[in-house]
Amino acid sequence: MTGPGPVDDDRGCLVMVLAVPLILLTLVSACFCWTALTIRPSGVWDDDAYAGIVPACVMSAGAAAATVAVWVVPAVRRVLGWGWVVPALVPGVVAGVRWATGG
């Protein structure tokens, strides 16, 4: 009896390939969030520190948004679940709160 061969499921390899940009963007988001959280202004007059916090927060939130943008693609979403996006969203949200509260 002949029939179609077994289905070659490459999902394991596909997950690894699609996970690379998500992991890199998560690391970028976490790094900039850490930077935004560790910058401590010396006082209300320390404009340079506040000027450093804002771009760090923007980059962290931007990397988190880029992670979501990559995940929204249907081909990626079929293979990778929410568990791949949440680690990038957490530092993005933390940085957004830091930015909104003014440092």
PDB file of N, CA and C in Angstrom:
ATOM      1  N   MET A   1       0.831  -1.154   0.000  1.00  0.00           N
ATOM      2  CA  MET A   1       0.000   0.000   0.000  1.00  0.00           C
ATOM      3  C   MET A   1       0.893   1.240   0.000  1.00  0.00           C
ATOM      4  N   THR A   2       0.626   2.102  -0.927  1.00  0.00           N
ATOM      5  CA  THR A   2       1.391   3.343  -0.999  1.00  0.00           C
ATOM      6  C   THR A   2       0.464   4.505  -0.655  1.00  0.00           C
ATOM      7  N   GLY A   3       1.025   5.496  -0.092  1.00  0.00           N
ATOM      8  CA  GLY A   3       0.261   6.691   0.297  1.00  0.00           C
ATOM      9  C   GLY A   3       1.224   7.843   0.527  1.00  0.00           C
ATOM     10  N   PRO A   4       0.685   8.919   0.919  1.00  0.00           N
ATOM     11  CA  PRO A   4       1.560  10.061   1.170  1.00  0.00           C
ATOM     12  C   PRO A   4       2.489   9.771   2.350  1.00  0.00           C
ATOM     13  N   GLY A   5       3.683  10.305   2.248  1.00  0.00           N
ATOM     14  CA  GLY A   5       4.665  10.127   3.308  1.00  0.00           C
ATOM     15  C   GLY A   5       4.278  10.935   4.540  1.00  0.00           C
ATOM     16  N   PRO A   6       4.997  10.708   5.600  1.00  0.00           N
ATOM     17  CA  PRO A   6       4.704  11.455   6.824  1.00  0.00           C
ATOM     18  C   PRO A   6       4.944  12.952   6.603  1.00  0.00           C
ATOM     19  N   VAL A   7       4.124  13.733   7.251  1.00  0.00           N
ATOM     20  CA  VAL A   7       4.248  15.188   7.134  1.00  0.00           C
ATOM     21  C   VAL A   7       5.520  15.624   7.843  1.00  0.00           C
ATOM     22  N   ASP A   8       6.323  16.393   7.127  1.00  0.00           N
ATOM     23  CA  ASP A   8       7.560  16.910   7.692  1.00  0.00           C
ATOM     24  C   ASP A   8       7.240  18.206   8.433  1.00  0.00           C
ATOM     25  N   ASP A   9       7.164  18.146   9.742  1.00  0.00           N
ATOM     26  CA  ASP A   9       6.797  19.296  10.539  1.00  0.00           C
ATOM     27  C   ASP A   9       8.062  20.048  10.950  1.00  0.00           C
ATOM     28  N   ASP A  10       8.223  21.243  10.396  1.00  0.00           N
ATOM     29  CA  ASP A  10       9.388  22.074  10.685  1.00  0.00           C
ATOM     30  C   ASP A  10       9.092  23.145  11.726  1.00  0.00           C
ATOM     31  N   ARG A  11       8.073  22.962  12.518  1.00  0.00           N
ATOM     32  CA  ARG A  11       7.709  23.997  13.487  1.00  0.00           C
ATOM     33  C   ARG A  11       8.808  24.256  14.506  1.00  0.00           C
ATOM     34  N   GLY A  12       9.555  23.264  14.870  1.00  0.00           N
ATOM     35  CA  GLY A  12      10.641  23.460  15.826  1.00  0.00           C
ATOM     36  C   GLY A  12      11.685  24.414  15.291  1.00  0.00           C
ATOM     37  N   CYS A  13      12.079  24.222  14.059  1.00  0.00           N
ATOM     38  CA  CYS A  13      13.049  25.112  13.417  1.00  0.00           C
ATOM     39  C   CYS A  13      12.444  26.490  13.186  1.00  0.00           C
ATOM     40  N   LEU A  14      11.175  26.514  12.793  1.00  0.00           N
ATOM     41  CA  LEU A  14      10.500  27.779  12.541  1.00  0.00           C
ATOM     42  C   LEU A  14      10.384  28.600  13.813  1.00  0.00           C
ATOM     43  N   VAL A  15      10.108  27.955  14.924  1.00  0.00           N
ATOM     44  CA  VAL A  15      10.034  28.665  16.203  1.00  0.00           C
ATOM     45  C   VAL A  15      11.375  29.300  16.524  1.00  0.00           C
ATOM     46  N   MET A  16      12.457  28.568  16.307  1.00  0.00           N
ATOM     47  CA  MET A  16      13.785  29.116  16.589  1.00  0.00           C
ATOM     48  C   MET A  16      14.090  30.320  15.714  1.00  0.00           C
ATOM     49  N   VAL A  17      13.740  30.246  14.449  1.00  0.00           N
ATOM     50  CA  VAL A  17      14.025  31.345  13.529  1.00  0.00           C
ATOM     51  C   VAL A  17      13.181  32.569  13.865  1.00  0.00           C
ATOM     52  N   LEU A  18      11.905  32.361  14.132  1.00  0.00           N
ATOM     53  CA  LEU A  18      11.019  33.482  14.426  1.00  0.00           C
ATOM     54  C   LEU A  18      11.251  34.050  15.822  1.00  0.00           C
ATOM     55  N   ALA A  19      11.802  33.261  16.720  1.00  0.00           N
ATOM     56  CA  ALA A  19      12.051  33.729  18.078  1.00  0.00           C
ATOM     57  C   ALA A  19      13.240  34.677  18.163  1.00  0.00           C
ATOM     58  N   VAL A  20      14.155  34.619  17.225  1.00  0.00           N
ATOM     59  CA  VAL A  20      15.362  35.454  17.282  1.00  0.00           C
ATOM     60  C   VAL A  20      15.024  36.943  17.338  1.00  0.00           C
ATOM     61  N   PRO A  21      14.208  37.485  16.413  1.00  0.00           N
ATOM     62  CA  PRO A  21      13.923  38.920  16.532  1.00  0.00           C
ATOM     63  C   PRO A  21      13.146  39.259  17.801  1.00  0.00           C
ATOM     64  N   LEU A  22      12.275  38.370  18.245  1.00  0.00           N
ATOM     65  CA  LEU A  22      11.529  38.649  19.470  1.00  0.00           C
ATOM     66  C   LEU A  22      12.457  38.681  20.678  1.00  0.00           C
ATOM     67  N   ILE A  23      13.400  37.775  20.730  1.00  0.00           N
ATOM     68  CA  ILE A  23      14.348  37.749  21.843  1.00  0.00           C
ATOM     69  C   ILE A  23      15.238  38.990  21.813  1.00  0.00           C
ATOM     70  N   LEU A  24      15.732  39.354  20.648  1.00  0.00           N
ATOM     71  CA  LEU A  24      16.591  40.541  20.545  1.00  0.00           C
ATOM     72  C   LEU A  24      15.841  41.813  20.926  1.00  0.00           C
ATOM     73  N   LEU A  25      14.607  41.954  20.457  1.00  0.00           N
ATOM     74  CA  LEU A  25      13.821  43.140  20.807  1.00  0.00           C
ATOM     75  C   LEU A  25      13.484  43.154  22.297  1.00  0.00           C
ATOM     76  N   THR A  26      13.272  41.993  22.891  1.00  0.00           N
ATOM     77  CA  THR A  26      13.022  41.919  24.329  1.00  0.00           C
ATOM     78  C   THR A  26      14.250  42.370  25.104  1.00  0.00           C
ATOM     79  N   LEU A  27      15.425  41.946  24.674  1.00  0.00           N
ATOM     80  CA  LEU A  27      16.655  42.363  25.338  1.00  0.00           C
ATOM     81  C   LEU A  27      16.889  43.863  25.197  1.00  0.00           C
ATOM     82  N   VAL A  28      16.596  44.409  24.036  1.00  0.00           N
ATOM     83  CA  VAL A  28      16.737  45.861  23.825  1.00  0.00           C
ATOM     84  C   VAL A  28      15.773  46.610  24.744  1.00  0.00           C
ATOM     85  N   SER A  29      14.537  46.147  24.804  1.00  0.00           N
ATOM     86  CA  SER A  29      13.546  46.790  25.663  1.00  0.00           C
ATOM     87  C   SER A  29      13.972  46.731  27.125  1.00  0.00           C
ATOM     88  N   ALA A  30      14.462  45.591  27.568  1.00  0.00           N
ATOM     89  CA  ALA A  30      14.896  45.439  28.960  1.00  0.00           C
ATOM     90  C   ALA A  30      16.109  46.309  29.269  1.00  0.00           C
ATOM     91  N   CYS A  31      17.035  46.401  28.332  1.00  0.00           N
ATOM     92  CA  CYS A  31      18.242  47.201  28.541  1.00  0.00           C
ATOM     93  C   CYS A  31      17.896  48.682  28.691  1.00  0.00           C
ATOM     94  N   PHE A  32      17.054  49.191  27.822  1.00  0.00           N
ATOM     95  CA  PHE A  32      16.682  50.597  27.907  1.00  0.00           C
ATOM     96  C   PHE A  32      15.802  50.870  29.124  1.00  0.00           C
ATOM     97  N   CYS A  33      14.987  49.915  29.511  1.00  0.00           N
ATOM     98  CA  CYS A  33      14.179  50.073  30.723  1.00  0.00           C
ATOM     99  C   CYS A  33      15.092  50.139  31.945  1.00  0.00           C
ATOM    100  N   TRP A  34      16.072  49.267  31.990  1.00  0.00           N
ATOM    101  CA  TRP A  34      17.030  49.281  33.088  1.00  0.00           C
ATOM    102  C   TRP A  34      17.754  50.624  33.151  1.00  0.00           C
ATOM    103  N   THR A  35      18.139  51.143  31.991  1.00  0.00           N
ATOM    104  CA  THR A  35      18.800  52.448  31.935  1.00  0.00           C
ATOM    105  C   THR A  35      17.886  53.537  32.468  1.00  0.00           C
ATOM    106  N   ALA A  36      16.628  53.517  32.040  1.00  0.00           N
ATOM    107  CA  ALA A  36      15.682  54.538  32.494  1.00  0.00           C
ATOM    108  C   ALA A  36      15.454  54.456  34.000  1.00  0.00           C
ATOM    109  N   LEU A  37      15.483  53.256  34.548  1.00  0.00           N
ATOM    110  CA  LEU A  37      15.237  53.100  35.982  1.00  0.00           C
ATOM    111  C   LEU A  37      16.455  53.421  36.836  1.00  0.00           C
ATOM    112  N   THR A  38      17.650  53.297  36.282  1.00  0.00           N
ATOM    113  CA  THR A  38      18.857  53.530  37.079  1.00  0.00           C
ATOM    114  C   THR A  38      19.342  54.971  37.028  1.00  0.00           C
ATOM    115  N   ILE A  39      18.854  55.750  36.098  1.00  0.00           N
ATOM    116  CA  ILE A  39      19.232  57.167  36.063  1.00  0.00           C
ATOM    117  C   ILE A  39      18.500  57.873  37.197  1.00  0.00           C
ATOM    118  N   ARG A  40      19.239  58.446  38.093  1.00  0.00           N
ATOM    119  CA  ARG A  40      18.662  59.147  39.242  1.00  0.00           C
ATOM    120  C   ARG A  40      19.017  60.632  39.168  1.00  0.00           C
ATOM    121  N   PRO A  41      18.037  61.491  38.970  1.00  0.00           N
ATOM    122  CA  PRO A  41      18.319  62.934  38.980  1.00  0.00           C
ATOM    123  C   PRO A  41      18.783  63.385  40.363  1.00  0.00           C
ATOM    124  N   SER A  42      19.700  64.326  40.394  1.00  0.00           N
ATOM    125  CA  SER A  42      20.206  64.847  41.667  1.00  0.00           C
ATOM    126  C   SER A  42      19.199  65.783  42.326  1.00  0.00           C
ATOM    127  N   GLY A  43      18.317  66.310  41.529  1.00  0.00           N
ATOM    128  CA  GLY A  43      17.285  67.220  42.047  1.00  0.00           C
ATOM    129  C   GLY A  43      16.373  67.638  40.914  1.00  0.00           C
ATOM    130  N   VAL A  44      15.418  68.506  41.237  1.00  0.00           N
ATOM    131  CA  VAL A  44      14.485  68.958  40.202  1.00  0.00           C
ATOM    132  C   VAL A  44      15.188  69.801  39.147  1.00  0.00           C
ATOM    133  N   TRP A  45      16.344  70.314  39.477  1.00  0.00           N
ATOM    134  CA  TRP A  45      17.118  71.145  38.552  1.00  0.00           C
ATOM    135  C   TRP A  45      17.968  70.324  37.581  1.00  0.00           C
ATOM    136  N   ASP A  46      18.073  69.023  37.770  1.00  0.00           N
ATOM    137  CA  ASP A  46      18.959  68.159  36.973  1.00  0.00           C
ATOM    138  C   ASP A  46      18.303  67.812  35.623  1.00  0.00           C
ATOM    139  N   ASP A  47      18.319  68.771  34.723  1.00  0.00           N
ATOM    140  CA  ASP A  47      17.685  68.589  33.411  1.00  0.00           C
ATOM    141  C   ASP A  47      18.382  67.531  32.559  1.00  0.00           C
ATOM    142  N   ASP A  48      19.684  67.379  32.736  1.00  0.00           N
ATOM    143  CA  ASP A  48      20.415  66.380  31.942  1.00  0.00           C
ATOM    144  C   ASP A  48      19.951  64.958  32.270  1.00  0.00           C
ATOM    145  N   ALA A  49      19.709  64.678  33.537  1.00  0.00           N
ATOM    146  CA  ALA A  49      19.237  63.341  33.916  1.00  0.00           C
ATOM    147  C   ALA A  49      17.845  63.099  33.346  1.00  0.00           C
ATOM    148  N   TYR A  50      16.970  64.093  33.468  1.00  0.00           N
ATOM    149  CA  TYR A  50      15.624  63.943  32.914  1.00  0.00           C
ATOM    150  C   TYR A  50      15.668  63.797  31.397  1.00  0.00           C
ATOM    151  N   ALA A  51      16.627  64.485  30.772  1.00  0.00           N
ATOM    152  CA  ALA A  51      16.780  64.370  29.320  1.00  0.00           C
ATOM    153  C   ALA A  51      17.314  63.000  28.921  1.00  0.00           C
ATOM    154  N   GLY A  52      17.970  62.286  29.814  1.00  0.00           N
ATOM    155  CA  GLY A  52      18.430  60.930  29.535  1.00  0.00           C
ATOM    156  C   GLY A  52      17.360  59.881  29.780  1.00  0.00           C
ATOM    157  N   ILE A  53      16.460  60.171  30.714  1.00  0.00           N
ATOM    158  CA  ILE A  53      15.400  59.224  31.035  1.00  0.00           C
ATOM    159  C   ILE A  53      14.411  59.096  29.883  1.00  0.00           C
ATOM    160  N   VAL A  54      14.064  60.222  29.294  1.00  0.00           N
ATOM    161  CA  VAL A  54      13.036  60.221  28.239  1.00  0.00           C
ATOM    162  C   VAL A  54      13.430  59.360  27.037  1.00  0.00           C
ATOM    163  N   PRO A  55      14.616  59.534  26.446  1.00  0.00           N
ATOM    164  CA  PRO A  55      14.935  58.661  25.299  1.00  0.00           C
ATOM    165  C   PRO A  55      15.063  57.192  25.673  1.00  0.00           C
ATOM    166  N   ALA A  56      15.529  56.901  26.891  1.00  0.00           N
ATOM    167  CA  ALA A  56      15.616  55.504  27.315  1.00  0.00           C
ATOM    168  C   ALA A  56      14.215  54.901  27.406  1.00  0.00           C
ATOM    169  N   CYS A  57      13.268  55.661  27.928  1.00  0.00           N
ATOM    170  CA  CYS A  57      11.881  55.181  28.015  1.00  0.00           C
ATOM    171  C   CYS A  57      11.275  55.009  26.626  1.00  0.00           C
ATOM    172  N   VAL A  58      11.542  55.963  25.746  1.00  0.00           N
ATOM    173  CA  VAL A  58      11.006  55.884  24.385  1.00  0.00           C
ATOM    174  C   VAL A  58      11.566  54.665  23.656  1.00  0.00           C
ATOM    175  N   MET A  59      12.848  54.405  23.801  1.00  0.00           N
ATOM    176  CA  MET A  59      13.458  53.251  23.134  1.00  0.00           C
ATOM    177  C   MET A  59      12.924  51.936  23.709  1.00  0.00           C
ATOM    178  N   SER A  60      12.727  51.872  25.010  1.00  0.00           N
ATOM    179  CA  SER A  60      12.189  50.664  25.619  1.00  0.00           C
ATOM    180  C   SER A  60      10.764  50.413  25.145  1.00  0.00           C
ATOM    181  N   ALA A  61       9.940  51.445  25.179  1.00  0.00           N
ATOM    182  CA  ALA A  61       8.554  51.293  24.717  1.00  0.00           C
ATOM    183  C   ALA A  61       8.516  50.998  23.215  1.00  0.00           C
ATOM    184  N   GLY A  62       9.416  51.612  22.456  1.00  0.00           N
ATOM    185  CA  GLY A  62       9.475  51.362  21.013  1.00  0.00           C
ATOM    186  C   GLY A  62       9.881  49.934  20.686  1.00  0.00           C
ATOM    187  N   ALA A  63      10.841  49.401  21.429  1.00  0.00           N
ATOM    188  CA  ALA A  63      11.248  48.008  21.206  1.00  0.00           C
ATOM    189  C   ALA A  63      10.123  47.046  21.581  1.00  0.00           C
ATOM    190  N   ALA A  64       9.380  47.375  22.638  1.00  0.00           N
ATOM    191  CA  ALA A  64       8.236  46.541  23.014  1.00  0.00           C
ATOM    192  C   ALA A  64       7.156  46.602  21.931  1.00  0.00           C
ATOM    193  N   ALA A  65       6.922  47.796  21.394  1.00  0.00           N
ATOM    194  CA  ALA A  65       5.934  47.939  20.322  1.00  0.00           C
ATOM    195  C   ALA A  65       6.383  47.200  19.063  1.00  0.00           C
ATOM    196  N   ALA A  66       7.673  47.229  18.771  1.00  0.00           N
ATOM    197  CA  ALA A  66       8.188  46.500  17.608  1.00  0.00           C
ATOM    198  C   ALA A  66       8.032  44.991  17.802  1.00  0.00           C
ATOM    199  N   THR A  67       8.190  44.527  19.039  1.00  0.00           N
ATOM    200  CA  THR A  67       7.979  43.108  19.328  1.00  0.00           C
ATOM    201  C   THR A  67       6.536  42.711  19.035  1.00  0.00           C
ATOM    202  N   VAL A  68       5.611  43.544  19.465  1.00  0.00           N
ATOM    203  CA  VAL A  68       4.196  43.273  19.198  1.00  0.00           C
ATOM    204  C   VAL A  68       3.932  43.322  17.699  1.00  0.00           C
ATOM    205  N   ALA A  69       4.557  44.281  17.009  1.00  0.00           N
ATOM    206  CA  ALA A  69       4.360  44.400  15.554  1.00  0.00           C
ATOM    207  C   ALA A  69       4.856  43.150  14.825  1.00  0.00           C
ATOM    208  N   VAL A  70       5.963  42.585  15.274  1.00  0.00           N
ATOM    209  CA  VAL A  70       6.461  41.349  14.661  1.00  0.00           C
ATOM    210  C   VAL A  70       5.517  40.201  14.984  1.00  0.00           C
ATOM    211  N   TRP A  71       5.029  40.163  16.218  1.00  0.00           N
ATOM    212  CA  TRP A  71       4.161  39.061  16.635  1.00  0.00           C
ATOM    213  C   TRP A  71       2.796  39.106  15.962  1.00  0.00           C
ATOM    214  N   VAL A  72       2.322  40.286  15.594  1.00  0.00           N
ATOM    215  CA  VAL A  72       0.997  40.428  14.988  1.00  0.00           C
ATOM    216  C   VAL A  72       0.931  39.776  13.603  1.00  0.00           C
ATOM    217  N   VAL A  73       2.050  39.629  12.937  1.00  0.00           N
ATOM    218  CA  VAL A  73       2.069  38.971  11.633  1.00  0.00           C
ATOM    219  C   VAL A  73       1.485  37.566  11.800  1.00  0.00           C
ATOM    220  N   PRO A  74       0.461  37.217  11.007  1.00  0.00           N
ATOM    221  CA  PRO A  74      -0.228  35.931  11.208  1.00  0.00           C
ATOM    222  C   PRO A  74       0.691  34.713  11.200  1.00  0.00           C
ATOM    223  N   ALA A  75       1.710  34.706  10.362  1.00  0.00           N
ATOM    224  CA  ALA A  75       2.604  33.551  10.301  1.00  0.00           C
ATOM    225  C   ALA A  75       3.372  33.378  11.611  1.00  0.00           C
ATOM    226  N   VAL A  76       3.739  34.475  12.219  1.00  0.00           N
ATOM    227  CA  VAL A  76       4.461  34.414  13.489  1.00  0.00           C
ATOM    228  C   VAL A  76       3.503  34.036  14.617  1.00  0.00           C
ATOM    229  N   ARG A  77       2.338  34.638  14.613  1.00  0.00           N
ATOM    230  CA  ARG A  77       1.350  34.402  15.664  1.00  0.00           C
ATOM    231  C   ARG A  77       0.886  32.945  15.709  1.00  0.00           C
ATOM    232  N   ARG A  78       0.833  32.291  14.549  1.00  0.00           N
ATOM    233  CA  ARG A  78       0.431  30.878  14.508  1.00  0.00           C
ATOM    234  C   ARG A  78       1.438  29.986  15.217  1.00  0.00           C
ATOM    235  N   VAL A  79       2.688  30.372  15.154  1.00  0.00           N
ATOM    236  CA  VAL A  79       3.750  29.521  15.692  1.00  0.00           C
ATOM    237  C   VAL A  79       4.130  29.905  17.125  1.00  0.00           C
ATOM    238  N   LEU A  80       4.140  31.207  17.414  1.00  0.00           N
ATOM    239  CA  LEU A  80       4.563  31.679  18.734  1.00  0.00           C
ATOM    240  C   LEU A  80       3.374  32.265  19.488  1.00  0.00           C
ATOM    241  N   GLY A  81       3.209  31.870  20.718  1.00  0.00           N
ATOM    242  CA  GLY A  81       2.088  32.343  21.518  1.00  0.00           C
ATOM    243  C   GLY A  81       2.410  33.637  22.259  1.00  0.00           C
ATOM    244  N   TRP A  82       1.457  34.031  23.110  1.00  0.00           N
ATOM    245  CA  TRP A  82       1.609  35.261  23.888  1.00  0.00           C
ATOM    246  C   TRP A  82       2.827  35.212  24.805  1.00  0.00           C
ATOM    247  N   GLY A  83       3.242  34.041  25.185  1.00  0.00           N
ATOM    248  CA  GLY A  83       4.388  33.905  26.080  1.00  0.00           C
ATOM    249  C   GLY A  83       5.671  34.486  25.515  1.00  0.00           C
ATOM    250  N   TRP A  84       5.717  34.649  24.223  1.00  0.00           N
ATOM    251  CA  TRP A  84       6.892  35.241  23.589  1.00  0.00           C
ATOM    252  C   TRP A  84       6.835  36.757  23.574  1.00  0.00           C
ATOM    253  N   VAL A  85       5.665  37.337  23.769  1.00  0.00           N
ATOM    254  CA  VAL A  85       5.499  38.788  23.679  1.00  0.00           C
ATOM    255  C   VAL A  85       5.495  39.441  25.058  1.00  0.00           C
ATOM    256  N   VAL A  86       4.955  38.760  26.031  1.00  0.00           N
ATOM    257  CA  VAL A  86       4.804  39.334  27.367  1.00  0.00           C
ATOM    258  C   VAL A  86       6.135  39.784  27.975  1.00  0.00           C
ATOM    259  N   PRO A  87       7.230  39.028  27.850  1.00  0.00           N
ATOM    260  CA  PRO A  87       8.489  39.504  28.439  1.00  0.00           C
ATOM    261  C   PRO A  87       8.983  40.830  27.855  1.00  0.00           C
ATOM    262  N   ALA A  88       8.624  41.152  26.643  1.00  0.00           N
ATOM    263  CA  ALA A  88       9.005  42.442  26.072  1.00  0.00           C
ATOM    264  C   ALA A  88       8.045  43.535  26.496  1.00  0.00           C
ATOM    265  N   LEU A  89       6.789  43.175  26.712  1.00  0.00           N
ATOM    266  CA  LEU A  89       5.800  44.177  27.102  1.00  0.00           C
ATOM    267  C   LEU A  89       6.022  44.679  28.526  1.00  0.00           C
ATOM    268  N   VAL A  90       6.492  43.835  29.405  1.00  0.00           N
ATOM    269  CA  VAL A  90       6.675  44.239  30.801  1.00  0.00           C
ATOM    270  C   VAL A  90       7.655  45.409  30.924  1.00  0.00           C
ATOM    271  N   PRO A  91       8.886  45.325  30.388  1.00  0.00           N
ATOM    272  CA  PRO A  91       9.765  46.495  30.502  1.00  0.00           C
ATOM    273  C   PRO A  91       9.245  47.698  29.712  1.00  0.00           C
ATOM    274  N   GLY A  92       8.523  47.447  28.625  1.00  0.00           N
ATOM    275  CA  GLY A  92       7.944  48.565  27.866  1.00  0.00           C
ATOM    276  C   GLY A  92       6.914  49.314  28.681  1.00  0.00           C
ATOM    277  N   VAL A  93       6.084  48.579  29.407  1.00  0.00           N
ATOM    278  CA  VAL A  93       5.073  49.214  30.263  1.00  0.00           C
ATOM    279  C   VAL A  93       5.737  49.917  31.445  1.00  0.00           C
ATOM    280  N   VAL A  94       6.739  49.280  32.036  1.00  0.00           N
ATOM    281  CA  VAL A  94       7.462  49.901  33.156  1.00  0.00           C
ATOM    282  C   VAL A  94       8.108  51.202  32.695  1.00  0.00           C
ATOM    283  N   ALA A  95       8.736  51.191  31.536  1.00  0.00           N
ATOM    284  CA  ALA A  95       9.356  52.408  31.007  1.00  0.00           C
ATOM    285  C   ALA A  95       8.304  53.469  30.698  1.00  0.00           C
ATOM    286  N   GLY A  96       7.150  53.038  30.188  1.00  0.00           N
ATOM    287  CA  GLY A  96       6.075  53.995  29.931  1.00  0.00           C
ATOM    288  C   GLY A  96       5.592  54.650  31.209  1.00  0.00           C
ATOM    289  N   VAL A  97       5.493  53.886  32.288  1.00  0.00           N
ATOM    290  CA  VAL A  97       5.090  54.452  33.586  1.00  0.00           C
ATOM    291  C   VAL A  97       6.158  55.416  34.090  1.00  0.00           C
ATOM    292  N   ARG A  98       7.410  55.016  33.932  1.00  0.00           N
ATOM    293  CA  ARG A  98       8.516  55.895  34.363  1.00  0.00           C
ATOM    294  C   ARG A  98       8.488  57.207  33.592  1.00  0.00           C
ATOM    295  N   TRP A  99       8.217  57.129  32.316  1.00  0.00           N
ATOM    296  CA  TRP A  99       8.155  58.316  31.467  1.00  0.00           C
ATOM    297  C   TRP A  99       6.957  59.180  31.857  1.00  0.00           C
ATOM    298  N   ALA A 100       5.808  58.548  32.079  1.00  0.00           N
ATOM    299  CA  ALA A 100       4.594  59.291  32.408  1.00  0.00           C
ATOM    300  C   ALA A 100       4.672  59.981  33.763  1.00  0.00           C
ATOM    301  N   THR A 101       5.391  59.376  34.702  1.00  0.00           N
ATOM    302  CA  THR A 101       5.507  59.974  36.028  1.00  0.00           C
ATOM    303  C   THR A 101       6.588  61.033  36.091  1.00  0.00           C
ATOM    304  N   GLY A 102       7.289  61.228  35.003  1.00  0.00           N
ATOM    305  CA  GLY A 102       8.269  62.311  34.949  1.00  0.00           C
ATOM    306  C   GLY A 102       9.611  61.983  35.571  1.00  0.00           C
ATOM    307  N   GLY A 103       9.885  60.714  35.748  1.00  0.00           N
ATOM    308  CA  GLY A 103      11.180  60.317  36.268  1.00  0.00           C
ATOM    309  C   GLY A 103      11.158  60.322  37.735  1.00  0.00           C
TER     310      GLY A 103
END
